[in-house]
């Protein structure tokens, strides 16, 4: 039976979380983050990216209180590790206003 590569496993995990509207916890740039993945797609270079709302955990920019539009993140899928589902409410925040 062929093994999935780690990126493929994370891709499938994120897709499942989006379908269920289940937040995830993951490590990105050595920081634990609590994220709600909203959109999964490829960037211009063909790499997988997720547009997600970060509602908890750590961030180099810090997180704003409430449902701030500043908490939206576009994260390369290959940068995520230790991904797991969270049994917490889904977060969307204020509408994302930047073109992705």
PDB file of N, CA and C in Angstrom:
ATOM      1  N   UNK A   1       0.844  -1.172   0.000  1.00  0.00           N
ATOM      2  CA  UNK A   1       0.000   0.000   0.000  1.00  0.00           C
ATOM      3  C   UNK A   1       0.895   1.244   0.000  1.00  0.00           C
ATOM      4  N   UNK A   2       0.700   2.178  -0.961  1.00  0.00           N
ATOM      5  CA  UNK A   2       1.569   3.354  -1.039  1.00  0.00           C
ATOM      6  C   UNK A   2       1.339   4.286   0.155  1.00  0.00           C
ATOM      7  N   UNK A   3       2.435   4.895   0.622  1.00  0.00           N
ATOM      8  CA  UNK A   3       2.344   5.834   1.730  1.00  0.00           C
ATOM      9  C   UNK A   3       2.117   7.242   1.198  1.00  0.00           C
ATOM     10  N   UNK A   4       1.305   8.012   1.917  1.00  0.00           N
ATOM     11  CA  UNK A   4       1.124   9.417   1.579  1.00  0.00           C
ATOM     12  C   UNK A   4       2.339  10.196   2.062  1.00  0.00           C
ATOM     13  N   UNK A   5       2.714  11.211   1.298  1.00  0.00           N
ATOM     14  CA  UNK A   5       3.792  12.054   1.807  1.00  0.00           C
ATOM     15  C   UNK A   5       3.192  13.016   2.837  1.00  0.00           C
ATOM     16  N   UNK A   6       4.022  13.589   3.708  1.00  0.00           N
ATOM     17  CA  UNK A   6       3.509  14.457   4.766  1.00  0.00           C
ATOM     18  C   UNK A   6       2.661  15.627   4.254  1.00  0.00           C
ATOM     19  N   UNK A   7       3.049  16.236   3.127  1.00  0.00           N
ATOM     20  CA  UNK A   7       2.279  17.350   2.580  1.00  0.00           C
ATOM     21  C   UNK A   7       0.888  16.892   2.155  1.00  0.00           C
ATOM     22  N   UNK A   8       0.822  15.719   1.541  1.00  0.00           N
ATOM     23  CA  UNK A   8      -0.470  15.171   1.116  1.00  0.00           C
ATOM     24  C   UNK A   8      -1.358  14.870   2.319  1.00  0.00           C
ATOM     25  N   UNK A   9      -0.775  14.360   3.387  1.00  0.00           N
ATOM     26  CA  UNK A   9      -1.527  14.085   4.611  1.00  0.00           C
ATOM     27  C   UNK A   9      -2.076  15.374   5.207  1.00  0.00           C
ATOM     28  N   UNK A  10      -1.250  16.417   5.273  1.00  0.00           N
ATOM     29  CA  UNK A  10      -1.700  17.695   5.815  1.00  0.00           C
ATOM     30  C   UNK A  10      -2.783  18.293   4.924  1.00  0.00           C
ATOM     31  N   UNK A  11      -2.609  18.198   3.609  1.00  0.00           N
ATOM     32  CA  UNK A  11      -3.617  18.674   2.663  1.00  0.00           C
ATOM     33  C   UNK A  11      -4.968  18.017   2.953  1.00  0.00           C
ATOM     34  N   UNK A  12      -4.985  16.699   3.036  1.00  0.00           N
ATOM     35  CA  UNK A  12      -6.230  15.966   3.278  1.00  0.00           C
ATOM     36  C   UNK A  12      -6.822  16.317   4.641  1.00  0.00           C
ATOM     37  N   UNK A  13      -5.984  16.502   5.629  1.00  0.00           N
ATOM     38  CA  UNK A  13      -6.425  16.865   6.968  1.00  0.00           C
ATOM     39  C   UNK A  13      -7.103  18.241   6.958  1.00  0.00           C
ATOM     40  N   UNK A  14      -6.488  19.211   6.271  1.00  0.00           N
ATOM     41  CA  UNK A  14      -7.044  20.563   6.186  1.00  0.00           C
ATOM     42  C   UNK A  14      -8.368  20.549   5.418  1.00  0.00           C
ATOM     43  N   UNK A  15      -8.438  19.800   4.343  1.00  0.00           N
ATOM     44  CA  UNK A  15      -9.687  19.684   3.589  1.00  0.00           C
ATOM     45  C   UNK A  15     -10.794  19.133   4.486  1.00  0.00           C
ATOM     46  N   UNK A  16     -10.487  18.109   5.254  1.00  0.00           N
ATOM     47  CA  UNK A  16     -11.461  17.520   6.173  1.00  0.00           C
ATOM     48  C   UNK A  16     -11.902  18.544   7.225  1.00  0.00           C
ATOM     49  N   UNK A  17     -10.963  19.297   7.778  1.00  0.00           N
ATOM     50  CA  UNK A  17     -11.296  20.316   8.778  1.00  0.00           C
ATOM     51  C   UNK A  17     -12.205  21.387   8.179  1.00  0.00           C
ATOM     52  N   UNK A  18     -11.944  21.797   6.937  1.00  0.00           N
ATOM     53  CA  UNK A  18     -12.787  22.797   6.280  1.00  0.00           C
ATOM     54  C   UNK A  18     -14.197  22.254   6.070  1.00  0.00           C
ATOM     55  N   UNK A  19     -14.317  21.032   5.625  1.00  0.00           N
ATOM     56  CA  UNK A  19     -15.644  20.424   5.410  1.00  0.00           C
ATOM     57  C   UNK A  19     -16.444  20.351   6.708  1.00  0.00           C
ATOM     58  N   UNK A  20     -15.764  20.008   7.788  1.00  0.00           N
ATOM     59  CA  UNK A  20     -16.423  19.869   9.094  1.00  0.00           C
ATOM     60  C   UNK A  20     -16.608  21.203   9.809  1.00  0.00           C
ATOM     61  N   UNK A  21     -15.934  22.247   9.297  1.00  0.00           N
ATOM     62  CA  UNK A  21     -15.848  23.536   9.998  1.00  0.00           C
ATOM     63  C   UNK A  21     -15.294  23.314  11.398  1.00  0.00           C
ATOM     64  N   UNK A  22     -14.180  22.593  11.445  1.00  0.00           N
ATOM     65  CA  UNK A  22     -13.475  22.301  12.692  1.00  0.00           C
ATOM     66  C   UNK A  22     -12.164  23.074  12.715  1.00  0.00           C
ATOM     67  N   UNK A  23     -11.942  23.869  13.747  1.00  0.00           N
ATOM     68  CA  UNK A  23     -10.654  24.544  13.880  1.00  0.00           C
ATOM     69  C   UNK A  23      -9.527  23.525  14.021  1.00  0.00           C
ATOM     70  N   UNK A  24      -8.330  23.963  13.684  1.00  0.00           N
ATOM     71  CA  UNK A  24      -7.151  23.116  13.835  1.00  0.00           C
ATOM     72  C   UNK A  24      -6.117  23.834  14.691  1.00  0.00           C
ATOM     73  N   UNK A  25      -5.224  23.043  15.257  1.00  0.00           N
ATOM     74  CA  UNK A  25      -4.037  23.570  15.915  1.00  0.00           C
ATOM     75  C   UNK A  25      -2.859  23.053  15.108  1.00  0.00           C
ATOM     76  N   UNK A  26      -1.888  23.912  14.867  1.00  0.00           N
ATOM     77  CA  UNK A  26      -0.722  23.507  14.077  1.00  0.00           C
ATOM     78  C   UNK A  26       0.477  24.356  14.473  1.00  0.00           C
ATOM     79  N   UNK A  27       1.640  23.853  14.155  1.00  0.00           N
ATOM     80  CA  UNK A  27       2.867  24.627  14.336  1.00  0.00           C
ATOM     81  C   UNK A  27       3.238  25.225  12.985  1.00  0.00           C
ATOM     82  N   UNK A  28       3.541  26.536  12.993  1.00  0.00           N
ATOM     83  CA  UNK A  28       4.015  27.229  11.811  1.00  0.00           C
ATOM     84  C   UNK A  28       5.078  28.220  12.276  1.00  0.00           C
ATOM     85  N   UNK A  29       6.240  28.167  11.682  1.00  0.00           N
ATOM     86  CA  UNK A  29       7.379  29.005  12.074  1.00  0.00           C
ATOM     87  C   UNK A  29       7.630  28.914  13.584  1.00  0.00           C
ATOM     88  N   UNK A  30       7.631  27.672  14.066  1.00  0.00           N
ATOM     89  CA  UNK A  30       7.943  27.348  15.459  1.00  0.00           C
ATOM     90  C   UNK A  30       6.983  27.962  16.474  1.00  0.00           C
ATOM     91  N   UNK A  31       5.775  28.313  16.037  1.00  0.00           N
ATOM     92  CA  UNK A  31       4.760  28.858  16.938  1.00  0.00           C
ATOM     93  C   UNK A  31       3.483  28.035  16.815  1.00  0.00           C
ATOM     94  N   UNK A  32       2.884  27.716  17.971  1.00  0.00           N
ATOM     95  CA  UNK A  32       1.612  27.001  17.984  1.00  0.00           C
ATOM     96  C   UNK A  32       0.507  27.986  17.625  1.00  0.00           C
ATOM     97  N   UNK A  33      -0.342  27.586  16.700  1.00  0.00           N
ATOM     98  CA  UNK A  33      -1.406  28.471  16.222  1.00  0.00           C
ATOM     99  C   UNK A  33      -2.739  27.737  16.215  1.00  0.00           C
ATOM    100  N   UNK A  34      -3.789  28.461  16.525  1.00  0.00           N
ATOM    101  CA  UNK A  34      -5.153  27.931  16.448  1.00  0.00           C
ATOM    102  C   UNK A  34      -5.800  28.623  15.253  1.00  0.00           C
ATOM    103  N   UNK A  35      -6.194  27.805  14.272  1.00  0.00           N
ATOM    104  CA  UNK A  35      -6.613  28.325  12.973  1.00  0.00           C
ATOM    105  C   UNK A  35      -7.940  27.732  12.512  1.00  0.00           C
ATOM    106  N   UNK A  36      -8.686  28.532  11.759  1.00  0.00           N
ATOM    107  CA  UNK A  36      -9.858  28.036  11.046  1.00  0.00           C
ATOM    108  C   UNK A  36      -9.559  28.193   9.555  1.00  0.00           C
ATOM    109  N   UNK A  37      -9.250  27.077   8.880  1.00  0.00           N
ATOM    110  CA  UNK A  37      -8.921  27.162   7.444  1.00  0.00           C
ATOM    111  C   UNK A  37     -10.184  27.379   6.614  1.00  0.00           C
ATOM    112  N   UNK A  38     -10.181  28.431   5.794  1.00  0.00           N
ATOM    113  CA  UNK A  38     -11.349  28.782   4.989  1.00  0.00           C
ATOM    114  C   UNK A  38     -11.188  28.447   3.519  1.00  0.00           C
ATOM    115  N   UNK A  39      -9.989  28.676   2.969  1.00  0.00           N
ATOM    116  CA  UNK A  39      -9.753  28.460   1.542  1.00  0.00           C
ATOM    117  C   UNK A  39      -8.414  27.754   1.371  1.00  0.00           C
ATOM    118  N   UNK A  40      -8.414  26.752   0.516  1.00  0.00           N
ATOM    119  CA  UNK A  40      -7.195  26.026   0.170  1.00  0.00           C
ATOM    120  C   UNK A  40      -6.996  26.163  -1.331  1.00  0.00           C
ATOM    121  N   UNK A  41      -5.823  26.580  -1.738  1.00  0.00           N
ATOM    122  CA  UNK A  41      -5.566  26.734  -3.164  1.00  0.00           C
ATOM    123  C   UNK A  41      -4.078  26.823  -3.426  1.00  0.00           C
ATOM    124  N   UNK A  42      -3.741  27.013  -4.683  1.00  0.00           N
ATOM    125  CA  UNK A  42      -2.332  27.122  -5.071  1.00  0.00           C
ATOM    126  C   UNK A  42      -1.986  28.573  -5.366  1.00  0.00           C
ATOM    127  N   UNK A  43      -0.760  28.960  -4.998  1.00  0.00           N
ATOM    128  CA  UNK A  43      -0.295  30.310  -5.319  1.00  0.00           C
ATOM    129  C   UNK A  43       0.226  30.335  -6.759  1.00  0.00           C
ATOM    130  N   UNK A  44       0.738  31.469  -7.189  1.00  0.00           N
ATOM    131  CA  UNK A  44       1.223  31.605  -8.570  1.00  0.00           C
ATOM    132  C   UNK A  44       2.342  30.627  -8.901  1.00  0.00           C
ATOM    133  N   UNK A  45       3.114  30.246  -7.893  1.00  0.00           N
ATOM    134  CA  UNK A  45       4.216  29.294  -8.105  1.00  0.00           C
ATOM    135  C   UNK A  45       3.734  27.843  -8.052  1.00  0.00           C
ATOM    136  N   UNK A  46       2.441  27.635  -7.808  1.00  0.00           N
ATOM    137  CA  UNK A  46       1.886  26.284  -7.785  1.00  0.00           C
ATOM    138  C   UNK A  46       1.945  25.596  -6.431  1.00  0.00           C
ATOM    139  N   UNK A  47       2.332  26.315  -5.385  1.00  0.00           N
ATOM    140  CA  UNK A  47       2.405  25.725  -4.044  1.00  0.00           C
ATOM    141  C   UNK A  47       1.075  25.885  -3.313  1.00  0.00           C
ATOM    142  N   UNK A  48       0.744  24.875  -2.510  1.00  0.00           N
ATOM    143  CA  UNK A  48      -0.498  24.917  -1.731  1.00  0.00           C
ATOM    144  C   UNK A  48      -0.403  25.974  -0.629  1.00  0.00           C
ATOM    145  N   UNK A  49      -1.471  26.762  -0.488  1.00  0.00           N
ATOM    146  CA  UNK A  49      -1.588  27.781   0.552  1.00  0.00           C
ATOM    147  C   UNK A  49      -2.976  27.638   1.189  1.00  0.00           C
ATOM    148  N   UNK A  50      -3.089  28.025   2.461  1.00  0.00           N
ATOM    149  CA  UNK A  50      -4.418  28.087   3.063  1.00  0.00           C
ATOM    150  C   UNK A  50      -4.650  29.508   3.583  1.00  0.00           C
ATOM    151  N   UNK A  51      -5.840  29.991   3.310  1.00  0.00           N
ATOM    152  CA  UNK A  51      -6.289  31.241   3.896  1.00  0.00           C
ATOM    153  C   UNK A  51      -7.059  30.840   5.142  1.00  0.00           C
ATOM    154  N   UNK A  52      -6.599  31.309   6.289  1.00  0.00           N
ATOM    155  CA  UNK A  52      -7.231  30.895   7.537  1.00  0.00           C
ATOM    156  C   UNK A  52      -7.354  32.073   8.493  1.00  0.00           C
ATOM    157  N   UNK A  53      -8.276  31.906   9.415  1.00  0.00           N
ATOM    158  CA  UNK A  53      -8.447  32.899  10.464  1.00  0.00           C
ATOM    159  C   UNK A  53      -7.765  32.369  11.712  1.00  0.00           C
ATOM    160  N   UNK A  54      -6.792  33.122  12.229  1.00  0.00           N
ATOM    161  CA  UNK A  54      -6.092  32.702  13.444  1.00  0.00           C
ATOM    162  C   UNK A  54      -6.792  33.336  14.638  1.00  0.00           C
ATOM    163  N   UNK A  55      -7.342  32.488  15.503  1.00  0.00           N
ATOM    164  CA  UNK A  55      -8.107  32.981  16.646  1.00  0.00           C
ATOM    165  C   UNK A  55      -7.402  32.739  17.978  1.00  0.00           C
ATOM    166  N   UNK A  56      -6.268  32.068  17.955  1.00  0.00           N
ATOM    167  CA  UNK A  56      -5.555  31.820  19.202  1.00  0.00           C
ATOM    168  C   UNK A  56      -4.150  31.326  18.931  1.00  0.00           C
ATOM    169  N   UNK A  57      -3.421  31.128  20.006  1.00  0.00           N
ATOM    170  CA  UNK A  57      -2.044  30.675  19.895  1.00  0.00           C
ATOM    171  C   UNK A  57      -1.091  31.850  19.793  1.00  0.00           C
ATOM    172  N   UNK A  58       0.037  31.605  19.166  1.00  0.00           N
ATOM    173  CA  UNK A  58       1.094  32.611  19.070  1.00  0.00           C
ATOM    174  C   UNK A  58       1.203  33.140  17.641  1.00  0.00           C
ATOM    175  N   UNK A  59       1.696  34.363  17.527  1.00  0.00           N
ATOM    176  CA  UNK A  59       1.914  34.969  16.223  1.00  0.00           C
ATOM    177  C   UNK A  59       3.023  36.002  16.344  1.00  0.00           C
ATOM    178  N   UNK A  60       3.885  36.080  15.347  1.00  0.00           N
ATOM    179  CA  UNK A  60       4.956  37.076  15.390  1.00  0.00           C
ATOM    180  C   UNK A  60       4.390  38.496  15.323  1.00  0.00           C
ATOM    181  N   UNK A  61       3.239  38.650  14.671  1.00  0.00           N
ATOM    182  CA  UNK A  61       2.587  39.968  14.572  1.00  0.00           C
ATOM    183  C   UNK A  61       1.642  40.238  15.734  1.00  0.00           C
ATOM    184  N   UNK A  62       1.361  39.216  16.514  1.00  0.00           N
ATOM    185  CA  UNK A  62       0.373  39.354  17.575  1.00  0.00           C
ATOM    186  C   UNK A  62      -1.030  39.201  17.024  1.00  0.00           C
ATOM    187  N   UNK A  63      -1.966  38.925  17.896  1.00  0.00           N
ATOM    188  CA  UNK A  63      -3.362  38.777  17.495  1.00  0.00           C
ATOM    189  C   UNK A  63      -4.168  39.944  18.046  1.00  0.00           C
ATOM    190  N   UNK A  64      -5.125  40.402  17.265  1.00  0.00           N
ATOM    191  CA  UNK A  64      -6.023  41.473  17.698  1.00  0.00           C
ATOM    192  C   UNK A  64      -7.218  40.864  18.417  1.00  0.00           C
ATOM    193  N   UNK A  65      -7.769  41.591  19.332  1.00  0.00           N
ATOM    194  CA  UNK A  65      -8.955  41.129  20.074  1.00  0.00           C
ATOM    195  C   UNK A  65     -10.181  41.142  19.166  1.00  0.00           C
ATOM    196  N   UNK A  66     -11.165  40.327  19.567  1.00  0.00           N
ATOM    197  CA  UNK A  66     -12.408  40.288  18.813  1.00  0.00           C
ATOM    198  C   UNK A  66     -12.227  39.601  17.477  1.00  0.00           C
ATOM    199  N   UNK A  67     -13.052  39.981  16.539  1.00  0.00           N
ATOM    200  CA  UNK A  67     -13.021  39.362  15.211  1.00  0.00           C
ATOM    201  C   UNK A  67     -12.297  40.249  14.201  1.00  0.00           C
ATOM    202  N   UNK A  68     -11.134  40.714  14.551  1.00  0.00           N
ATOM    203  CA  UNK A  68     -10.378  41.638  13.716  1.00  0.00           C
ATOM    204  C   UNK A  68      -9.986  41.028  12.367  1.00  0.00           C
ATOM    205  N   UNK A  69     -10.062  41.846  11.328  1.00  0.00           N
ATOM    206  CA  UNK A  69      -9.609  41.395  10.005  1.00  0.00           C
ATOM    207  C   UNK A  69      -8.091  41.231   9.974  1.00  0.00           C
ATOM    208  N   UNK A  70      -7.389  41.745  10.981  1.00  0.00           N
ATOM    209  CA  UNK A  70      -5.926  41.608  11.052  1.00  0.00           C
ATOM    210  C   UNK A  70      -5.490  40.188  11.400  1.00  0.00           C
ATOM    211  N   UNK A  71      -6.421  39.338  11.798  1.00  0.00           N
ATOM    212  CA  UNK A  71      -6.072  37.966  12.204  1.00  0.00           C
ATOM    213  C   UNK A  71      -6.153  36.955  11.062  1.00  0.00           C
ATOM    214  N   UNK A  72      -6.424  37.417   9.832  1.00  0.00           N
ATOM    215  CA  UNK A  72      -6.404  36.520   8.677  1.00  0.00           C
ATOM    216  C   UNK A  72      -4.951  36.224   8.323  1.00  0.00           C
ATOM    217  N   UNK A  73      -4.681  34.976   7.949  1.00  0.00           N
ATOM    218  CA  UNK A  73      -3.335  34.556   7.572  1.00  0.00           C
ATOM    219  C   UNK A  73      -3.391  33.737   6.282  1.00  0.00           C
ATOM    220  N   UNK A  74      -2.402  33.920   5.421  1.00  0.00           N
ATOM    221  CA  UNK A  74      -2.218  33.067   4.253  1.00  0.00           C
ATOM    222  C   UNK A  74      -0.924  32.298   4.513  1.00  0.00           C
ATOM    223  N   UNK A  75      -1.070  30.998   4.716  1.00  0.00           N
ATOM    224  CA  UNK A  75       0.043  30.175   5.183  1.00  0.00           C
ATOM    225  C   UNK A  75       0.350  29.075   4.171  1.00  0.00           C
ATOM    226  N   UNK A  76       1.626  28.889   3.831  1.00  0.00           N
ATOM    227  CA  UNK A  76       1.974  27.776   2.935  1.00  0.00           C
ATOM    228  C   UNK A  76       1.754  26.443   3.651  1.00  0.00           C
ATOM    229  N   UNK A  77       1.086  25.548   2.984  1.00  0.00           N
ATOM    230  CA  UNK A  77       0.752  24.254   3.568  1.00  0.00           C
ATOM    231  C   UNK A  77       2.001  23.486   3.992  1.00  0.00           C
ATOM    232  N   UNK A  78       3.085  23.603   3.204  1.00  0.00           N
ATOM    233  CA  UNK A  78       4.312  22.860   3.538  1.00  0.00           C
ATOM    234  C   UNK A  78       4.973  23.375   4.817  1.00  0.00           C
ATOM    235  N   UNK A  79       4.535  24.540   5.331  1.00  0.00           N
ATOM    236  CA  UNK A  79       5.103  25.088   6.550  1.00  0.00           C
ATOM    237  C   UNK A  79       4.431  24.599   7.827  1.00  0.00           C
ATOM    238  N   UNK A  80       3.321  23.872   7.677  1.00  0.00           N
ATOM    239  CA  UNK A  80       2.581  23.378   8.845  1.00  0.00           C
ATOM    240  C   UNK A  80       3.108  22.029   9.310  1.00  0.00           C
ATOM    241  N   UNK A  81       3.064  21.829  10.622  1.00  0.00           N
ATOM    242  CA  UNK A  81       3.386  20.521  11.196  1.00  0.00           C
ATOM    243  C   UNK A  81       2.548  20.335  12.452  1.00  0.00           C
ATOM    244  N   UNK A  82       2.550  19.107  12.970  1.00  0.00           N
ATOM    245  CA  UNK A  82       1.812  18.764  14.204  1.00  0.00           C
ATOM    246  C   UNK A  82       0.369  19.259  14.142  1.00  0.00           C
ATOM    247  N   UNK A  83      -0.305  18.983  13.042  1.00  0.00           N
ATOM    248  CA  UNK A  83      -1.677  19.450  12.836  1.00  0.00           C
ATOM    249  C   UNK A  83      -2.658  18.518  13.538  1.00  0.00           C
ATOM    250  N   UNK A  84      -3.631  19.128  14.255  1.00  0.00           N
ATOM    251  CA  UNK A  84      -4.669  18.322  14.893  1.00  0.00           C
ATOM    252  C   UNK A  84      -5.971  19.107  14.948  1.00  0.00           C
ATOM    253  N   UNK A  85      -7.086  18.375  14.953  1.00  0.00           N
ATOM    254  CA  UNK A  85      -8.407  18.991  15.060  1.00  0.00           C
ATOM    255  C   UNK A  85      -8.643  19.470  16.480  1.00  0.00           C
ATOM    256  N   UNK A  86      -9.385  20.562  16.601  1.00  0.00           N
ATOM    257  CA  UNK A  86      -9.759  21.091  17.909  1.00  0.00           C
ATOM    258  C   UNK A  86     -11.276  21.000  18.064  1.00  0.00           C
ATOM    259  N   UNK A  87     -11.733  20.708  19.246  1.00  0.00           N
ATOM    260  CA  UNK A  87     -13.160  20.671  19.544  1.00  0.00           C
ATOM    261  C   UNK A  87     -13.561  22.034  20.107  1.00  0.00           C
ATOM    262  N   UNK A  88     -13.520  23.041  19.227  1.00  0.00           N
ATOM    263  CA  UNK A  88     -13.824  24.421  19.593  1.00  0.00           C
ATOM    264  C   UNK A  88     -14.725  25.032  18.527  1.00  0.00           C
ATOM    265  N   UNK A  89     -15.375  26.151  18.836  1.00  0.00           N
ATOM    266  CA  UNK A  89     -16.219  26.813  17.831  1.00  0.00           C
ATOM    267  C   UNK A  89     -15.406  27.333  16.648  1.00  0.00           C
ATOM    268  N   UNK A  90     -16.054  27.383  15.498  1.00  0.00           N
ATOM    269  CA  UNK A  90     -15.485  27.902  14.258  1.00  0.00           C
ATOM    270  C   UNK A  90     -15.413  29.430  14.325  1.00  0.00           C
ATOM    271  N   UNK A  91     -14.346  30.014  13.772  1.00  0.00           N
ATOM    272  CA  UNK A  91     -14.173  31.470  13.746  1.00  0.00           C
ATOM    273  C   UNK A  91     -13.976  31.935  12.308  1.00  0.00           C
ATOM    274  N   UNK A  92     -14.605  33.067  11.998  1.00  0.00           N
ATOM    275  CA  UNK A  92     -14.433  33.638  10.670  1.00  0.00           C
ATOM    276  C   UNK A  92     -13.872  35.049  10.721  1.00  0.00           C
ATOM    277  N   UNK A  93     -14.151  35.770  11.777  1.00  0.00           N
ATOM    278  CA  UNK A  93     -13.674  37.136  11.855  1.00  0.00           C
ATOM    279  C   UNK A  93     -14.358  38.029  10.833  1.00  0.00           C
ATOM    280  N   UNK A  94     -13.936  39.270  10.782  1.00  0.00           N
ATOM    281  CA  UNK A  94     -14.451  40.219   9.816  1.00  0.00           C
ATOM    282  C   UNK A  94     -13.998  39.776   8.440  1.00  0.00           C
ATOM    283  N   UNK A  95     -14.781  40.081   7.441  1.00  0.00           N
ATOM    284  CA  UNK A  95     -14.484  39.680   6.062  1.00  0.00           C
ATOM    285  C   UNK A  95     -13.043  39.990   5.676  1.00  0.00           C
ATOM    286  N   UNK A  96     -12.418  39.022   5.034  1.00  0.00           N
ATOM    287  CA  UNK A  96     -11.056  39.208   4.533  1.00  0.00           C
ATOM    288  C   UNK A  96     -11.109  40.171   3.354  1.00  0.00           C
ATOM    289  N   UNK A  97     -10.278  41.193   3.372  1.00  0.00           N
ATOM    290  CA  UNK A  97     -10.410  42.246   2.356  1.00  0.00           C
ATOM    291  C   UNK A  97      -9.279  42.309   1.341  1.00  0.00           C
ATOM    292  N   UNK A  98      -8.260  41.480   1.468  1.00  0.00           N
ATOM    293  CA  UNK A  98      -7.135  41.516   0.530  1.00  0.00           C
ATOM    294  C   UNK A  98      -7.280  40.455  -0.544  1.00  0.00           C
ATOM    295  N   UNK A  99      -6.900  40.782  -1.745  1.00  0.00           N
ATOM    296  CA  UNK A  99      -6.937  39.822  -2.845  1.00  0.00           C
ATOM    297  C   UNK A  99      -5.863  38.765  -2.609  1.00  0.00           C
ATOM    298  N   UNK A 100      -6.239  37.504  -2.786  1.00  0.00           N
ATOM    299  CA  UNK A 100      -5.296  36.407  -2.596  1.00  0.00           C
ATOM    300  C   UNK A 100      -5.020  35.736  -3.918  1.00  0.00           C
TER     301      UNK A 100
END
